[in-house]
């Protein structure tokens, strides 16, 4: 379970594609209110994008959408959209 304002969290998306030579990589997101944005990520194990959530990143309860984005030599690729329910904690 993930909660609003949680920052001790890592988001990991597996592209299932070798990302050797990647020029740019991001995790795109859409918040429950429709606001969109992106996070700069690091590459792990050749196919996975990792993002360490920062304070204030997860700021809305509801269903969030996450999607991998990569640019390899000018070719753009997107991963499947992952939906994650974010809950409100008791003390907020």
C-alpha atoms as a PDB file:
ATOM      1  CA  UNK A   1       0.000   0.000   0.000  1.00  0.00           C
ATOM      2  CA  UNK A   2       1.244   3.481  -0.867  1.00  0.00           C
ATOM      3  CA  UNK A   3       0.111   6.587   1.000  1.00  0.00           C
ATOM      4  CA  UNK A   4      -0.086  10.318   0.253  1.00  0.00           C
ATOM      5  CA  UNK A   5       3.129  12.119   1.289  1.00  0.00           C
ATOM      6  CA  UNK A   6       5.070   8.843   1.486  1.00  0.00           C
ATOM      7  CA  UNK A   7       8.644   9.394   0.366  1.00  0.00           C
ATOM      8  CA  UNK A   8      10.401   6.270   1.637  1.00  0.00           C
ATOM      9  CA  UNK A   9       9.534   4.604  -1.646  1.00  0.00           C
ATOM     10  CA  UNK A  10      11.078   3.623  -4.969  1.00  0.00           C
ATOM     11  CA  UNK A  11       9.101   3.365  -8.195  1.00  0.00           C
ATOM     12  CA  UNK A  12      10.461   0.750 -10.568  1.00  0.00           C
ATOM     13  CA  UNK A  13       9.204   0.110 -14.090  1.00  0.00           C
ATOM     14  CA  UNK A  14      10.568  -2.790 -16.122  1.00  0.00           C
ATOM     15  CA  UNK A  15      10.608  -2.034 -19.848  1.00  0.00           C
ATOM     16  CA  UNK A  16      11.586  -5.632 -20.658  1.00  0.00           C
ATOM     17  CA  UNK A  17      13.860  -4.107 -23.329  1.00  0.00           C
ATOM     18  CA  UNK A  18      17.633  -3.685 -23.242  1.00  0.00           C
ATOM     19  CA  UNK A  19      18.213   0.032 -22.739  1.00  0.00           C
ATOM     20  CA  UNK A  20      21.915   0.053 -23.611  1.00  0.00           C
ATOM     21  CA  UNK A  21      22.738   3.359 -25.301  1.00  0.00           C
ATOM     22  CA  UNK A  22      19.634   5.154 -24.059  1.00  0.00           C
ATOM     23  CA  UNK A  23      19.830   8.932 -24.581  1.00  0.00           C
ATOM     24  CA  UNK A  24      16.939   9.933 -22.284  1.00  0.00           C
ATOM     25  CA  UNK A  25      14.689   8.094 -19.873  1.00  0.00           C
ATOM     26  CA  UNK A  26      11.848   9.229 -17.632  1.00  0.00           C
ATOM     27  CA  UNK A  27       8.834   8.036 -15.751  1.00  0.00           C
ATOM     28  CA  UNK A  28       5.752   9.908 -16.904  1.00  0.00           C
ATOM     29  CA  UNK A  29       2.888  10.217 -14.430  1.00  0.00           C
ATOM     30  CA  UNK A  30      -0.713  11.328 -14.275  1.00  0.00           C
ATOM     31  CA  UNK A  31      -2.235  12.275 -10.931  1.00  0.00           C
ATOM     32  CA  UNK A  32      -5.869  11.536 -10.029  1.00  0.00           C
ATOM     33  CA  UNK A  33      -6.857  15.139 -10.889  1.00  0.00           C
ATOM     34  CA  UNK A  34      -5.396  14.767 -14.407  1.00  0.00           C
ATOM     35  CA  UNK A  35      -2.198  16.743 -13.767  1.00  0.00           C
ATOM     36  CA  UNK A  36       0.725  15.222 -15.674  1.00  0.00           C
ATOM     37  CA  UNK A  37       4.467  15.377 -15.171  1.00  0.00           C
ATOM     38  CA  UNK A  38       7.694  13.433 -15.349  1.00  0.00           C
ATOM     39  CA  UNK A  39      10.550  12.292 -13.148  1.00  0.00           C
ATOM     40  CA  UNK A  40      14.169  11.795 -14.169  1.00  0.00           C
ATOM     41  CA  UNK A  41      15.187   8.208 -13.460  1.00  0.00           C
ATOM     42  CA  UNK A  42      18.203   5.953 -13.235  1.00  0.00           C
ATOM     43  CA  UNK A  43      18.736   2.721 -15.122  1.00  0.00           C
ATOM     44  CA  UNK A  44      19.058  -0.543 -13.223  1.00  0.00           C
ATOM     45  CA  UNK A  45      19.709  -4.067 -14.508  1.00  0.00           C
ATOM     46  CA  UNK A  46      19.597  -2.992 -18.140  1.00  0.00           C
ATOM     47  CA  UNK A  47      15.799  -2.915 -18.497  1.00  0.00           C
ATOM     48  CA  UNK A  48      14.417  -1.203 -15.373  1.00  0.00           C
ATOM     49  CA  UNK A  49      13.806   2.476 -14.701  1.00  0.00           C
ATOM     50  CA  UNK A  50      14.096   3.521 -11.034  1.00  0.00           C
ATOM     51  CA  UNK A  51      12.913   6.653  -9.266  1.00  0.00           C
ATOM     52  CA  UNK A  52      13.385   7.400  -5.571  1.00  0.00           C
ATOM     53  CA  UNK A  53      10.282   9.312  -4.517  1.00  0.00           C
ATOM     54  CA  UNK A  54      10.972  12.694  -2.919  1.00  0.00           C
ATOM     55  CA  UNK A  55       8.952  14.516  -0.253  1.00  0.00           C
ATOM     56  CA  UNK A  56       5.914  16.112  -1.890  1.00  0.00           C
ATOM     57  CA  UNK A  57       5.932  13.927  -5.018  1.00  0.00           C
ATOM     58  CA  UNK A  58       2.969  11.778  -4.026  1.00  0.00           C
ATOM     59  CA  UNK A  59       0.485  14.472  -3.028  1.00  0.00           C
ATOM     60  CA  UNK A  60      -2.959  13.136  -3.998  1.00  0.00           C
ATOM     61  CA  UNK A  61      -5.074  10.155  -3.030  1.00  0.00           C
ATOM     62  CA  UNK A  62      -6.632   8.158  -5.838  1.00  0.00           C
ATOM     63  CA  UNK A  63      -5.417   6.231  -8.856  1.00  0.00           C
ATOM     64  CA  UNK A  64      -2.118   7.370 -10.343  1.00  0.00           C
ATOM     65  CA  UNK A  65      -0.804   6.296 -13.753  1.00  0.00           C
ATOM     66  CA  UNK A  66       2.891   5.687 -14.446  1.00  0.00           C
ATOM     67  CA  UNK A  67       4.560   5.026 -17.809  1.00  0.00           C
ATOM     68  CA  UNK A  68       8.157   4.497 -18.907  1.00  0.00           C
ATOM     69  CA  UNK A  69       9.557   6.786 -21.606  1.00  0.00           C
ATOM     70  CA  UNK A  70      12.872   6.218 -23.389  1.00  0.00           C
ATOM     71  CA  UNK A  71      14.718   7.827 -26.273  1.00  0.00           C
ATOM     72  CA  UNK A  72      17.358   5.655 -27.937  1.00  0.00           C
ATOM     73  CA  UNK A  73      19.147   7.323 -30.856  1.00  0.00           C
ATOM     74  CA  UNK A  74      16.069   9.420 -31.679  1.00  0.00           C
ATOM     75  CA  UNK A  75      13.644   6.505 -31.465  1.00  0.00           C
ATOM     76  CA  UNK A  76      10.994   7.050 -28.789  1.00  0.00           C
ATOM     77  CA  UNK A  77       9.504   4.192 -26.814  1.00  0.00           C
ATOM     78  CA  UNK A  78       6.781   3.993 -24.181  1.00  0.00           C
ATOM     79  CA  UNK A  79       6.089   1.243 -21.660  1.00  0.00           C
ATOM     80  CA  UNK A  80       2.694  -0.015 -20.632  1.00  0.00           C
ATOM     81  CA  UNK A  81       0.690   2.249 -18.317  1.00  0.00           C
ATOM     82  CA  UNK A  82       0.754   1.059 -14.714  1.00  0.00           C
ATOM     83  CA  UNK A  83      -2.046   2.140 -12.378  1.00  0.00           C
ATOM     84  CA  UNK A  84      -1.438   2.402  -8.635  1.00  0.00           C
ATOM     85  CA  UNK A  85      -3.975   3.279  -5.937  1.00  0.00           C
ATOM     86  CA  UNK A  86      -2.642   5.844  -3.458  1.00  0.00           C
ATOM     87  CA  UNK A  87      -4.451   6.015  -0.119  1.00  0.00           C
ATOM     88  CA  UNK A  88      -4.789   8.751   2.465  1.00  0.00           C
ATOM     89  CA  UNK A  89      -3.024   7.942   5.754  1.00  0.00           C
ATOM     90  CA  UNK A  90      -4.798   8.275   9.100  1.00  0.00           C
ATOM     91  CA  UNK A  91      -2.830  11.247  10.427  1.00  0.00           C
ATOM     92  CA  UNK A  92      -3.014  13.613   7.449  1.00  0.00           C
END
